[in-house]
Amino acid sequence: MGLSGRERRILAQIEQALEREDPELARRVAAINRIEAVGGLPERPYGGRARLWALTHGWVIVAAVALVVVLLLVAVLAT
């Protein structure tokens, strides 16, 4: 649903007043508008590194659990 010319002018006036009164809120609103225009959240700079860290630690946990299961199985079979 598009805005009429009058509605766009009113919205622009409201945005200008907001920028004058509360620049931090105006910055956040602009960031939200950019996200909606692009169609998703921007990639965080540490996103790839954090993902790699979680993946590595996940595999370490899986390996530790597998080792415990194997050791328990060996202990049961040895007795």
Protein backbone atom coordinates (compact mmCIF):
# COMPACT_ATOMS: atom_id res chain seq x y z
CA MET A 1 0.00 0.00 0.00
CA GLY A 2 1.64 3.20 -1.19
CA LEU A 3 1.54 6.57 0.50
CA SER A 4 0.06 9.64 -1.11
CA GLY A 5 2.20 12.73 -1.63
CA ARG A 6 0.59 14.45 1.35
CA GLU A 7 1.22 11.43 3.59
CA ARG A 8 4.87 11.28 2.47
CA ARG A 9 5.33 14.98 3.29
CA ILE A 10 3.79 14.52 6.75
CA LEU A 11 5.98 11.49 7.39
CA ALA A 12 9.08 13.44 6.30
CA GLN A 13 8.18 16.28 8.69
CA ILE A 14 7.74 13.80 11.55
CA GLU A 15 11.10 12.20 10.76
CA GLN A 16 12.84 15.60 10.67
CA ALA A 17 11.32 16.55 14.03
CA LEU A 18 12.39 13.21 15.46
CA GLU A 19 15.97 13.72 14.22
CA ARG A 20 16.10 17.10 15.94
CA GLU A 21 14.59 15.92 19.24
CA ASP A 22 16.13 12.45 19.63
CA PRO A 23 19.01 11.70 17.26
CA GLU A 24 19.73 8.29 18.86
CA LEU A 25 16.18 7.07 18.28
CA ALA A 26 16.28 8.44 14.74
CA ARG A 27 19.51 6.50 14.12
CA ARG A 28 17.87 3.28 15.34
CA VAL A 29 14.79 3.87 13.19
CA ALA A 30 17.04 4.44 10.16
CA ALA A 31 18.87 1.18 10.92
CA ILE A 32 15.57 -0.69 11.10
CA ASN A 33 14.49 0.84 7.79
CA ARG A 34 17.78 -0.25 6.17
CA ILE A 35 17.32 -3.79 7.47
CA GLU A 36 13.79 -3.95 6.11
CA ALA A 37 14.90 -2.54 2.76
CA VAL A 38 17.72 -5.09 2.40
CA GLY A 39 15.57 -7.97 3.62
CA GLY A 40 17.48 -9.32 6.59
CA LEU A 41 19.86 -8.67 9.42
CA PRO A 42 23.37 -7.56 8.54
CA GLU A 43 26.17 -10.05 9.17
CA ARG A 44 27.99 -9.30 12.39
CA PRO A 45 31.76 -8.96 12.10
CA TYR A 46 32.36 -11.79 14.56
CA GLY A 47 29.65 -14.04 13.10
CA GLY A 48 31.97 -16.36 11.18
CA ARG A 49 34.45 -16.67 14.02
CA ALA A 50 31.72 -17.39 16.58
CA ARG A 51 30.14 -19.96 14.28
CA LEU A 52 33.50 -21.72 13.83
CA TRP A 53 34.09 -21.67 17.60
CA ALA A 54 30.67 -23.22 18.30
CA LEU A 55 31.13 -25.84 15.59
CA THR A 56 34.56 -26.84 16.88
CA HIS A 57 33.38 -27.08 20.48
CA GLY A 58 30.30 -29.01 19.40
CA TRP A 59 32.48 -31.65 17.74
CA VAL A 60 34.72 -31.82 20.81
CA ILE A 61 31.67 -32.52 22.97
CA VAL A 62 30.41 -35.19 20.55
CA ALA A 63 33.84 -36.86 20.53
CA ALA A 64 34.02 -36.80 24.35
CA VAL A 65 30.57 -38.40 24.64
CA ALA A 66 31.51 -41.06 22.10
CA LEU A 67 34.72 -41.82 24.03
CA VAL A 68 32.78 -42.18 27.29
CA VAL A 69 30.29 -44.55 25.63
CA VAL A 70 33.12 -46.66 24.18
CA LEU A 71 34.91 -46.80 27.54
CA LEU A 72 31.70 -47.80 29.33
CA LEU A 73 31.08 -50.49 26.72
CA VAL A 74 34.63 -51.83 27.14
CA ALA A 75 34.22 -51.81 30.94
CA VAL A 76 30.93 -53.74 30.71
CA LEU A 77 32.36 -56.30 28.29
CA ALA A 78 35.56 -56.73 30.34
CA THR A 79 33.71 -57.72 33.51
